[in-house]
Amino acid sequence: MRIRRATAEEFATLSERHRLAAEDAEYTWMVDPEGDSFVVSGTPSRREAELTGDREALYDTSKP
């Protein structure tokens, strides 16, 4: 999956269709390659790990 910040033009279209507030522009992310899906959230982050039995959570905000 690839996500990217919505362009001004994309946000204008989404805002009109879904009544998004103007202040959400900075937090609107497009899901590619389809380009029709989107999320409104803070800056995304990701982690990868081998899936093993009992493991600690990948998102521990106290660690980098």
C-alpha atoms as a PDB file:
ATOM      1  CA  MET A   1       0.000   0.000   0.000  1.00  0.00           C
ATOM      2  CA  ARG A   2       1.188   3.491  -0.774  1.00  0.00           C
ATOM      3  CA  ILE A   3      -0.205   6.644   0.775  1.00  0.00           C
ATOM      4  CA  ARG A   4       0.560  10.259  -0.019  1.00  0.00           C
ATOM      5  CA  ARG A   5      -0.767  13.644   0.983  1.00  0.00           C
ATOM      6  CA  ALA A   6      -3.730  14.758  -1.152  1.00  0.00           C
ATOM      7  CA  THR A   7      -2.960  17.506  -3.636  1.00  0.00           C
ATOM      8  CA  ALA A   8      -4.881  20.774  -3.342  1.00  0.00           C
ATOM      9  CA  GLU A   9      -7.032  19.737  -6.302  1.00  0.00           C
ATOM     10  CA  GLU A  10      -7.766  16.288  -4.835  1.00  0.00           C
ATOM     11  CA  PHE A  11      -8.614  17.790  -1.465  1.00  0.00           C
ATOM     12  CA  ALA A  12     -10.968  20.310  -3.089  1.00  0.00           C
ATOM     13  CA  THR A  13     -12.835  17.436  -4.780  1.00  0.00           C
ATOM     14  CA  LEU A  14     -12.936  15.346  -1.581  1.00  0.00           C
ATOM     15  CA  SER A  15     -13.988  18.340   0.480  1.00  0.00           C
ATOM     16  CA  GLU A  16     -16.895  19.032  -1.850  1.00  0.00           C
ATOM     17  CA  ARG A  17     -18.005  15.380  -1.984  1.00  0.00           C
ATOM     18  CA  HIS A  18     -17.569  14.549   1.699  1.00  0.00           C
ATOM     19  CA  ARG A  19     -17.862  17.963   3.370  1.00  0.00           C
ATOM     20  CA  LEU A  20     -14.344  17.891   4.811  1.00  0.00           C
ATOM     21  CA  ALA A  21     -13.295  20.945   6.778  1.00  0.00           C
ATOM     22  CA  ALA A  22     -10.610  23.123   5.161  1.00  0.00           C
ATOM     23  CA  GLU A  23      -8.313  22.558   8.148  1.00  0.00           C
ATOM     24  CA  ASP A  24      -8.292  18.807   7.326  1.00  0.00           C
ATOM     25  CA  ALA A  25      -6.327  19.402   4.096  1.00  0.00           C
ATOM     26  CA  GLU A  26      -2.996  18.924   5.879  1.00  0.00           C
ATOM     27  CA  TYR A  27      -4.211  15.598   7.310  1.00  0.00           C
ATOM     28  CA  THR A  28      -5.830  14.079   4.209  1.00  0.00           C
ATOM     29  CA  TRP A  29      -3.939  11.166   2.662  1.00  0.00           C
ATOM     30  CA  MET A  30      -4.665   9.370  -0.610  1.00  0.00           C
ATOM     31  CA  VAL A  31      -4.358   5.586  -0.848  1.00  0.00           C
ATOM     32  CA  ASP A  32      -2.653   4.642  -4.125  1.00  0.00           C
ATOM     33  CA  PRO A  33      -2.647   3.202  -6.720  1.00  0.00           C
ATOM     34  CA  GLU A  34      -6.451   3.400  -6.886  1.00  0.00           C
ATOM     35  CA  GLY A  35      -6.541   7.053  -5.897  1.00  0.00           C
ATOM     36  CA  ASP A  36     -10.226   6.918  -4.923  1.00  0.00           C
ATOM     37  CA  SER A  37      -9.661   5.964  -1.285  1.00  0.00           C
ATOM     38  CA  PHE A  38      -8.492   8.367   1.381  1.00  0.00           C
ATOM     39  CA  VAL A  39      -8.014   8.789   5.121  1.00  0.00           C
ATOM     40  CA  VAL A  40      -7.914  11.838   7.342  1.00  0.00           C
ATOM     41  CA  SER A  41      -5.339  11.324  10.091  1.00  0.00           C
ATOM     42  CA  GLY A  42      -2.162  12.605  11.653  1.00  0.00           C
ATOM     43  CA  THR A  43       1.160  11.907   9.963  1.00  0.00           C
ATOM     44  CA  PRO A  44       1.246   8.185   9.224  1.00  0.00           C
ATOM     45  CA  SER A  45       4.045   5.903  10.373  1.00  0.00           C
ATOM     46  CA  ARG A  46       4.747   2.242   9.865  1.00  0.00           C
ATOM     47  CA  ARG A  47       6.774  -0.591  11.295  1.00  0.00           C
ATOM     48  CA  GLU A  48       7.603  -4.059  10.006  1.00  0.00           C
ATOM     49  CA  ALA A  49       8.520  -7.170  11.948  1.00  0.00           C
ATOM     50  CA  GLU A  50       8.661 -10.917  11.630  1.00  0.00           C
ATOM     51  CA  LEU A  51       5.420 -12.422  12.887  1.00  0.00           C
ATOM     52  CA  THR A  52       6.235 -14.660  15.826  1.00  0.00           C
ATOM     53  CA  GLY A  53       4.224 -16.002  18.770  1.00  0.00           C
ATOM     54  CA  ASP A  54       3.894 -13.483  21.580  1.00  0.00           C
ATOM     55  CA  ARG A  55       5.559 -10.276  20.543  1.00  0.00           C
ATOM     56  CA  GLU A  56       5.557  -6.755  21.876  1.00  0.00           C
ATOM     57  CA  ALA A  57       3.485  -4.104  20.150  1.00  0.00           C
ATOM     58  CA  LEU A  58       5.255  -2.524  17.198  1.00  0.00           C
ATOM     59  CA  TYR A  59       4.091   0.958  18.150  1.00  0.00           C
ATOM     60  CA  ASP A  60       5.684   1.990  21.409  1.00  0.00           C
ATOM     61  CA  THR A  61       5.655   5.790  21.429  1.00  0.00           C
ATOM     62  CA  SER A  62       8.428   5.866  24.031  1.00  0.00           C
ATOM     63  CA  LYS A  63      10.859   4.398  21.436  1.00  0.00           C
ATOM     64  CA  PRO A  64      12.056   5.827  18.112  1.00  0.00           C
END
